[in-house]
Amino acid sequence: MDRLERMPARAPCDAPVGRRKARGMSTKVQDYLAGARYCEDMAAMTDGHKVSADFAELARQWRELARQRQDFERSLHDSE
């Protein structure tokens, strides 16, 4: 199987429109976590150590962004 056949079918920005909030997460947080999953999948599929490490770092950054967004949304909710 060549590398193109192993690539994920959808990028994070291809998520369906109009989906519902899951487990109290906003759609933005869901999008950020989808970005992390995509990067993790790509890291697992890439052969080069540098490329794989770059995707793993991007996944970490997506997860951190999701955490920051959740903290921000909680602070807005708590201030109401």
PDB file of N, CA and C in Angstrom:
ATOM      1  N   MET A   1       0.859  -1.176   0.000  1.00  0.00           N
ATOM      2  CA  MET A   1       0.000   0.000   0.000  1.00  0.00           C
ATOM      3  C   MET A   1       0.903   1.237   0.000  1.00  0.00           C
ATOM      4  N   ASP A   2       0.685   2.153  -0.914  1.00  0.00           N
ATOM      5  CA  ASP A   2       1.524   3.341  -0.939  1.00  0.00           C
ATOM      6  C   ASP A   2       1.013   4.383   0.054  1.00  0.00           C
ATOM      7  N   ARG A   3       1.815   5.406   0.250  1.00  0.00           N
ATOM      8  CA  ARG A   3       1.534   6.414   1.273  1.00  0.00           C
ATOM      9  C   ARG A   3       0.200   7.121   1.053  1.00  0.00           C
ATOM     10  N   LEU A   4      -0.175   7.414  -0.179  1.00  0.00           N
ATOM     11  CA  LEU A   4      -1.437   8.109  -0.438  1.00  0.00           C
ATOM     12  C   LEU A   4      -2.644   7.272  -0.036  1.00  0.00           C
ATOM     13  N   GLU A   5      -2.551   5.966  -0.200  1.00  0.00           N
ATOM     14  CA  GLU A   5      -3.658   5.102   0.188  1.00  0.00           C
ATOM     15  C   GLU A   5      -3.838   5.051   1.696  1.00  0.00           C
ATOM     16  N   ARG A   6      -2.782   5.327   2.456  1.00  0.00           N
ATOM     17  CA  ARG A   6      -2.860   5.272   3.913  1.00  0.00           C
ATOM     18  C   ARG A   6      -3.290   6.600   4.527  1.00  0.00           C
ATOM     19  N   MET A   7      -3.345   7.654   3.750  1.00  0.00           N
ATOM     20  CA  MET A   7      -3.693   8.963   4.301  1.00  0.00           C
ATOM     21  C   MET A   7      -5.149   8.994   4.749  1.00  0.00           C
ATOM     22  N   PRO A   8      -5.444   9.731   5.834  1.00  0.00           N
ATOM     23  CA  PRO A   8      -6.838   9.859   6.278  1.00  0.00           C
ATOM     24  C   PRO A   8      -7.701  10.458   5.183  1.00  0.00           C
ATOM     25  N   ALA A   9      -8.942  10.043   5.153  1.00  0.00           N
ATOM     26  CA  ALA A   9      -9.852  10.486   4.102  1.00  0.00           C
ATOM     27  C   ALA A   9     -10.244  11.945   4.256  1.00  0.00           C
ATOM     28  N   ARG A  10     -10.258  12.450   5.501  1.00  0.00           N
ATOM     29  CA  ARG A  10     -10.725  13.816   5.708  1.00  0.00           C
ATOM     30  C   ARG A  10      -9.767  14.596   6.575  1.00  0.00           C
ATOM     31  N   ALA A  11      -9.583  15.830   6.221  1.00  0.00           N
ATOM     32  CA  ALA A  11      -8.830  16.753   7.065  1.00  0.00           C
ATOM     33  C   ALA A  11      -9.781  17.331   8.101  1.00  0.00           C
ATOM     34  N   PRO A  12      -9.253  17.937   9.195  1.00  0.00           N
ATOM     35  CA  PRO A  12     -10.119  18.477  10.235  1.00  0.00           C
ATOM     36  C   PRO A  12     -11.116  19.502   9.738  1.00  0.00           C
ATOM     37  N   CYS A  13     -10.770  20.253   8.722  1.00  0.00           N
ATOM     38  CA  CYS A  13     -11.676  21.287   8.228  1.00  0.00           C
ATOM     39  C   CYS A  13     -12.821  20.698   7.410  1.00  0.00           C
ATOM     40  N   ASP A  14     -12.816  19.388   7.175  1.00  0.00           N
ATOM     41  CA  ASP A  14     -13.880  18.744   6.416  1.00  0.00           C
ATOM     42  C   ASP A  14     -15.017  18.238   7.302  1.00  0.00           C
ATOM     43  N   ALA A  15     -15.019  18.622   8.569  1.00  0.00           N
ATOM     44  CA  ALA A  15     -16.045  18.127   9.494  1.00  0.00           C
ATOM     45  C   ALA A  15     -17.421  18.563   9.022  1.00  0.00           C
ATOM     46  N   PRO A  16     -18.436  17.739   9.284  1.00  0.00           N
ATOM     47  CA  PRO A  16     -19.786  18.082   8.837  1.00  0.00           C
ATOM     48  C   PRO A  16     -20.310  19.351   9.501  1.00  0.00           C
ATOM     49  N   VAL A  17     -21.091  20.097   8.761  1.00  0.00           N
ATOM     50  CA  VAL A  17     -21.684  21.332   9.263  1.00  0.00           C
ATOM     51  C   VAL A  17     -22.932  20.985  10.058  1.00  0.00           C
ATOM     52  N   GLY A  18     -23.189  21.733  11.107  1.00  0.00           N
ATOM     53  CA  GLY A  18     -24.412  21.548  11.856  1.00  0.00           C
ATOM     54  C   GLY A  18     -24.371  20.409  12.857  1.00  0.00           C
ATOM     55  N   ARG A  19     -23.196  19.957  13.235  1.00  0.00           N
ATOM     56  CA  ARG A  19     -23.146  18.879  14.215  1.00  0.00           C
ATOM     57  C   ARG A  19     -23.448  19.415  15.604  1.00  0.00           C
ATOM     58  N   ARG A  20     -23.826  18.549  16.497  1.00  0.00           N
ATOM     59  CA  ARG A  20     -24.194  18.943  17.850  1.00  0.00           C
ATOM     60  C   ARG A  20     -22.981  18.952  18.764  1.00  0.00           C
ATOM     61  N   LYS A  21     -23.096  19.672  19.859  1.00  0.00           N
ATOM     62  CA  LYS A  21     -22.040  19.673  20.849  1.00  0.00           C
ATOM     63  C   LYS A  21     -21.962  18.300  21.513  1.00  0.00           C
ATOM     64  N   ALA A  22     -20.748  17.795  21.638  1.00  0.00           N
ATOM     65  CA  ALA A  22     -20.542  16.498  22.280  1.00  0.00           C
ATOM     66  C   ALA A  22     -19.925  16.701  23.653  1.00  0.00           C
ATOM     67  N   ARG A  23     -20.477  16.040  24.632  1.00  0.00           N
ATOM     68  CA  ARG A  23     -19.958  16.057  25.996  1.00  0.00           C
ATOM     69  C   ARG A  23     -19.661  17.463  26.494  1.00  0.00           C
ATOM     70  N   GLY A  24     -20.530  18.412  26.187  1.00  0.00           N
ATOM     71  CA  GLY A  24     -20.357  19.770  26.665  1.00  0.00           C
ATOM     72  C   GLY A  24     -19.272  20.556  25.954  1.00  0.00           C
ATOM     73  N   MET A  25     -18.711  20.024  24.890  1.00  0.00           N
ATOM     74  CA  MET A  25     -17.660  20.716  24.161  1.00  0.00           C
ATOM     75  C   MET A  25     -18.258  21.572  23.059  1.00  0.00           C
ATOM     76  N   SER A  26     -17.713  22.763  22.904  1.00  0.00           N
ATOM     77  CA  SER A  26     -18.142  23.592  21.794  1.00  0.00           C
ATOM     78  C   SER A  26     -17.638  22.984  20.486  1.00  0.00           C
ATOM     79  N   THR A  27     -18.216  23.431  19.404  1.00  0.00           N
ATOM     80  CA  THR A  27     -17.759  22.913  18.108  1.00  0.00           C
ATOM     81  C   THR A  27     -16.327  23.357  17.825  1.00  0.00           C
ATOM     82  N   LYS A  28     -15.919  24.513  18.350  1.00  0.00           N
ATOM     83  CA  LYS A  28     -14.523  24.931  18.162  1.00  0.00           C
ATOM     84  C   LYS A  28     -13.572  23.961  18.845  1.00  0.00           C
ATOM     85  N   VAL A  29     -13.880  23.587  20.088  1.00  0.00           N
ATOM     86  CA  VAL A  29     -13.040  22.632  20.804  1.00  0.00           C
ATOM     87  C   VAL A  29     -13.022  21.305  20.058  1.00  0.00           C
ATOM     88  N   GLN A  30     -14.174  20.868  19.569  1.00  0.00           N
ATOM     89  CA  GLN A  30     -14.231  19.628  18.791  1.00  0.00           C
ATOM     90  C   GLN A  30     -13.349  19.723  17.550  1.00  0.00           C
ATOM     91  N   ASP A  31     -13.382  20.874  16.880  1.00  0.00           N
ATOM     92  CA  ASP A  31     -12.546  21.068  15.686  1.00  0.00           C
ATOM     93  C   ASP A  31     -11.067  20.989  16.041  1.00  0.00           C
ATOM     94  N   TYR A  32     -10.683  21.618  17.149  1.00  0.00           N
ATOM     95  CA  TYR A  32      -9.276  21.590  17.561  1.00  0.00           C
ATOM     96  C   TYR A  32      -8.835  20.168  17.892  1.00  0.00           C
ATOM     97  N   LEU A  33      -9.697  19.414  18.574  1.00  0.00           N
ATOM     98  CA  LEU A  33      -9.358  18.027  18.893  1.00  0.00           C
ATOM     99  C   LEU A  33      -9.328  17.158  17.637  1.00  0.00           C
ATOM    100  N   ALA A  34     -10.180  17.476  16.669  1.00  0.00           N
ATOM    101  CA  ALA A  34     -10.136  16.761  15.384  1.00  0.00           C
ATOM    102  C   ALA A  34      -8.814  17.046  14.683  1.00  0.00           C
ATOM    103  N   GLY A  35      -8.335  18.284  14.780  1.00  0.00           N
ATOM    104  CA  GLY A  35      -7.032  18.628  14.213  1.00  0.00           C
ATOM    105  C   GLY A  35      -5.922  17.817  14.866  1.00  0.00           C
ATOM    106  N   ALA A  36      -6.011  17.641  16.187  1.00  0.00           N
ATOM    107  CA  ALA A  36      -5.010  16.845  16.906  1.00  0.00           C
ATOM    108  C   ALA A  36      -5.048  15.393  16.446  1.00  0.00           C
ATOM    109  N   ARG A  37      -6.251  14.836  16.311  1.00  0.00           N
ATOM    110  CA  ARG A  37      -6.367  13.440  15.863  1.00  0.00           C
ATOM    111  C   ARG A  37      -5.808  13.264  14.452  1.00  0.00           C
ATOM    112  N   TYR A  38      -6.096  14.223  13.588  1.00  0.00           N
ATOM    113  CA  TYR A  38      -5.587  14.163  12.216  1.00  0.00           C
ATOM    114  C   TYR A  38      -4.051  14.150  12.219  1.00  0.00           C
ATOM    115  N   CYS A  39      -3.469  15.053  13.003  1.00  0.00           N
ATOM    116  CA  CYS A  39      -2.005  15.123  13.067  1.00  0.00           C
ATOM    117  C   CYS A  39      -1.418  13.854  13.676  1.00  0.00           C
ATOM    118  N   GLU A  40      -2.086  13.293  14.680  1.00  0.00           N
ATOM    119  CA  GLU A  40      -1.622  12.033  15.256  1.00  0.00           C
ATOM    120  C   GLU A  40      -1.665  10.919  14.213  1.00  0.00           C
ATOM    121  N   ASP A  41      -2.735  10.877  13.434  1.00  0.00           N
ATOM    122  CA  ASP A  41      -2.828   9.875  12.360  1.00  0.00           C
ATOM    123  C   ASP A  41      -1.702  10.057  11.351  1.00  0.00           C
ATOM    124  N   MET A  42      -1.453  11.297  10.974  1.00  0.00           N
ATOM    125  CA  MET A  42      -0.390  11.567  10.006  1.00  0.00           C
ATOM    126  C   MET A  42       0.976  11.218  10.581  1.00  0.00           C
ATOM    127  N   ALA A  43       1.190  11.498  11.863  1.00  0.00           N
ATOM    128  CA  ALA A  43       2.466  11.151  12.497  1.00  0.00           C
ATOM    129  C   ALA A  43       2.688   9.643  12.465  1.00  0.00           C
ATOM    130  N   ALA A  44       1.617   8.895  12.669  1.00  0.00           N
ATOM    131  CA  ALA A  44       1.723   7.433  12.655  1.00  0.00           C
ATOM    132  C   ALA A  44       1.989   6.891  11.258  1.00  0.00           C
ATOM    133  N   MET A  45       1.585   7.630  10.244  1.00  0.00           N
ATOM    134  CA  MET A  45       1.720   7.135   8.869  1.00  0.00           C
ATOM    135  C   MET A  45       2.979   7.598   8.164  1.00  0.00           C
ATOM    136  N   THR A  46       3.649   8.606   8.690  1.00  0.00           N
ATOM    137  CA  THR A  46       4.819   9.134   7.996  1.00  0.00           C
ATOM    138  C   THR A  46       6.053   8.318   8.348  1.00  0.00           C
ATOM    139  N   ASP A  47       6.927   8.182   7.367  1.00  0.00           N
ATOM    140  CA  ASP A  47       8.123   7.364   7.541  1.00  0.00           C
ATOM    141  C   ASP A  47       9.290   8.154   8.123  1.00  0.00           C
ATOM    142  N   GLY A  48       9.410   9.408   7.761  1.00  0.00           N
ATOM    143  CA  GLY A  48      10.549  10.197   8.205  1.00  0.00           C
ATOM    144  C   GLY A  48      10.415  10.628   9.655  1.00  0.00           C
ATOM    145  N   HIS A  49      11.478  10.467  10.432  1.00  0.00           N
ATOM    146  CA  HIS A  49      11.446  10.827  11.846  1.00  0.00           C
ATOM    147  C   HIS A  49      11.096  12.299  12.037  1.00  0.00           C
ATOM    148  N   LYS A  50      11.693  13.184  11.255  1.00  0.00           N
ATOM    149  CA  LYS A  50      11.433  14.625  11.385  1.00  0.00           C
ATOM    150  C   LYS A  50       9.977  14.951  11.081  1.00  0.00           C
ATOM    151  N   VAL A  51       9.447  14.408  10.010  1.00  0.00           N
ATOM    152  CA  VAL A  51       8.059  14.674   9.629  1.00  0.00           C
ATOM    153  C   VAL A  51       7.112  14.137  10.690  1.00  0.00           C
ATOM    154  N   SER A  52       7.377  12.928  11.149  1.00  0.00           N
ATOM    155  CA  SER A  52       6.542  12.330  12.183  1.00  0.00           C
ATOM    156  C   SER A  52       6.587  13.163  13.462  1.00  0.00           C
ATOM    157  N   ALA A  53       7.764  13.617  13.840  1.00  0.00           N
ATOM    158  CA  ALA A  53       7.910  14.456  15.038  1.00  0.00           C
ATOM    159  C   ALA A  53       7.192  15.792  14.862  1.00  0.00           C
ATOM    160  N   ASP A  54       7.240  16.347  13.658  1.00  0.00           N
ATOM    161  CA  ASP A  54       6.543  17.607  13.390  1.00  0.00           C
ATOM    162  C   ASP A  54       5.028  17.431  13.544  1.00  0.00           C
ATOM    163  N   PHE A  55       4.483  16.347  12.999  1.00  0.00           N
ATOM    164  CA  PHE A  55       3.047  16.094  13.149  1.00  0.00           C
ATOM    165  C   PHE A  55       2.684  15.849  14.613  1.00  0.00           C
ATOM    166  N   ALA A  56       3.529  15.146  15.350  1.00  0.00           N
ATOM    167  CA  ALA A  56       3.266  14.915  16.775  1.00  0.00           C
ATOM    168  C   ALA A  56       3.255  16.249  17.531  1.00  0.00           C
ATOM    169  N   GLU A  57       4.155  17.141  17.194  1.00  0.00           N
ATOM    170  CA  GLU A  57       4.176  18.463  17.831  1.00  0.00           C
ATOM    171  C   GLU A  57       2.934  19.269  17.464  1.00  0.00           C
ATOM    172  N   LEU A  58       2.521  19.191  16.218  1.00  0.00           N
ATOM    173  CA  LEU A  58       1.288  19.878  15.819  1.00  0.00           C
ATOM    174  C   LEU A  58       0.086  19.325  16.579  1.00  0.00           C
ATOM    175  N   ALA A  59       0.037  18.018  16.774  1.00  0.00           N
ATOM    176  CA  ALA A  59      -1.054  17.405  17.544  1.00  0.00           C
ATOM    177  C   ALA A  59      -1.048  17.951  18.966  1.00  0.00           C
ATOM    178  N   ARG A  60       0.127  18.056  19.577  1.00  0.00           N
ATOM    179  CA  ARG A  60       0.233  18.603  20.928  1.00  0.00           C
ATOM    180  C   ARG A  60      -0.287  20.036  20.970  1.00  0.00           C
ATOM    181  N   GLN A  61       0.062  20.828  19.955  1.00  0.00           N
ATOM    182  CA  GLN A  61      -0.388  22.223  19.906  1.00  0.00           C
ATOM    183  C   GLN A  61      -1.906  22.319  19.727  1.00  0.00           C
ATOM    184  N   TRP A  62      -2.489  21.447  18.898  1.00  0.00           N
ATOM    185  CA  TRP A  62      -3.953  21.424  18.739  1.00  0.00           C
ATOM    186  C   TRP A  62      -4.636  21.102  20.066  1.00  0.00           C
ATOM    187  N   ARG A  63      -4.092  20.112  20.797  1.00  0.00           N
ATOM    188  CA  ARG A  63      -4.687  19.756  22.100  1.00  0.00           C
ATOM    189  C   ARG A  63      -4.564  20.914  23.089  1.00  0.00           C
ATOM    190  N   GLU A  64      -3.437  21.592  23.075  1.00  0.00           N
ATOM    191  CA  GLU A  64      -3.261  22.750  23.955  1.00  0.00           C
ATOM    192  C   GLU A  64      -4.238  23.862  23.590  1.00  0.00           C
ATOM    193  N   LEU A  65      -4.432  24.091  22.315  1.00  0.00           N
ATOM    194  CA  LEU A  65      -5.400  25.094  21.875  1.00  0.00           C
ATOM    195  C   LEU A  65      -6.808  24.727  22.333  1.00  0.00           C
ATOM    196  N   ALA A  66      -7.168  23.455  22.242  1.00  0.00           N
ATOM    197  CA  ALA A  66      -8.481  22.994  22.713  1.00  0.00           C
ATOM    198  C   ALA A  66      -8.623  23.247  24.212  1.00  0.00           C
ATOM    199  N   ARG A  67      -7.569  22.937  24.986  1.00  0.00           N
ATOM    200  CA  ARG A  67      -7.611  23.160  26.431  1.00  0.00           C
ATOM    201  C   ARG A  67      -7.790  24.643  26.751  1.00  0.00           C
ATOM    202  N   GLN A  68      -7.054  25.498  26.039  1.00  0.00           N
ATOM    203  CA  GLN A  68      -7.171  26.937  26.263  1.00  0.00           C
ATOM    204  C   GLN A  68      -8.567  27.440  25.919  1.00  0.00           C
ATOM    205  N   ARG A  69      -9.130  26.926  24.838  1.00  0.00           N
ATOM    206  CA  ARG A  69     -10.482  27.336  24.440  1.00  0.00           C
ATOM    207  C   ARG A  69     -11.510  26.899  25.493  1.00  0.00           C
ATOM    208  N   GLN A  70     -11.356  25.693  26.011  1.00  0.00           N
ATOM    209  CA  GLN A  70     -12.270  25.232  27.055  1.00  0.00           C
ATOM    210  C   GLN A  70     -12.164  26.118  28.294  1.00  0.00           C
ATOM    211  N   ASP A  71     -10.951  26.464  28.684  1.00  0.00           N
ATOM    212  CA  ASP A  71     -10.760  27.350  29.832  1.00  0.00           C
ATOM    213  C   ASP A  71     -11.420  28.703  29.585  1.00  0.00           C
ATOM    214  N   PHE A  72     -11.259  29.227  28.389  1.00  0.00           N
ATOM    215  CA  PHE A  72     -11.861  30.510  28.025  1.00  0.00           C
ATOM    216  C   PHE A  72     -13.386  30.432  28.099  1.00  0.00           C
ATOM    217  N   GLU A  73     -13.950  29.373  27.535  1.00  0.00           N
ATOM    218  CA  GLU A  73     -15.408  29.221  27.538  1.00  0.00           C
ATOM    219  C   GLU A  73     -15.944  29.061  28.967  1.00  0.00           C
ATOM    220  N   ARG A  74     -15.214  28.335  29.807  1.00  0.00           N
ATOM    221  CA  ARG A  74     -15.630  28.201  31.216  1.00  0.00           C
ATOM    222  C   ARG A  74     -15.608  29.556  31.916  1.00  0.00           C
ATOM    223  N   SER A  75     -14.575  30.346  31.645  1.00  0.00           N
ATOM    224  CA  SER A  75     -14.482  31.655  32.288  1.00  0.00           C
ATOM    225  C   SER A  75     -15.639  32.554  31.857  1.00  0.00           C
ATOM    226  N   LEU A  76     -16.065  32.450  30.610  1.00  0.00           N
ATOM    227  CA  LEU A  76     -17.222  33.224  30.152  1.00  0.00           C
ATOM    228  C   LEU A  76     -18.484  32.763  30.856  1.00  0.00           C
ATOM    229  N   HIS A  77     -18.627  31.452  30.982  1.00  0.00           N
ATOM    230  CA  HIS A  77     -19.829  30.886  31.620  1.00  0.00           C
ATOM    231  C   HIS A  77     -19.851  31.265  33.107  1.00  0.00           C
ATOM    232  N   ASP A  78     -18.703  31.200  33.768  1.00  0.00           N
ATOM    233  CA  ASP A  78     -18.639  31.511  35.199  1.00  0.00           C
ATOM    234  C   ASP A  78     -18.893  32.981  35.497  1.00  0.00           C
ATOM    235  N   SER A  79     -18.621  33.852  34.536  1.00  0.00           N
ATOM    236  CA  SER A  79     -18.802  35.283  34.756  1.00  0.00           C
ATOM    237  C   SER A  79     -20.243  35.732  34.535  1.00  0.00           C
ATOM    238  N   GLU A  80     -21.089  34.846  34.040  1.00  0.00           N
ATOM    239  CA  GLU A  80     -22.486  35.211  33.777  1.00  0.00           C
ATOM    240  C   GLU A  80     -23.301  35.240  35.043  1.00  0.00           C
TER     241      GLU A  80
END
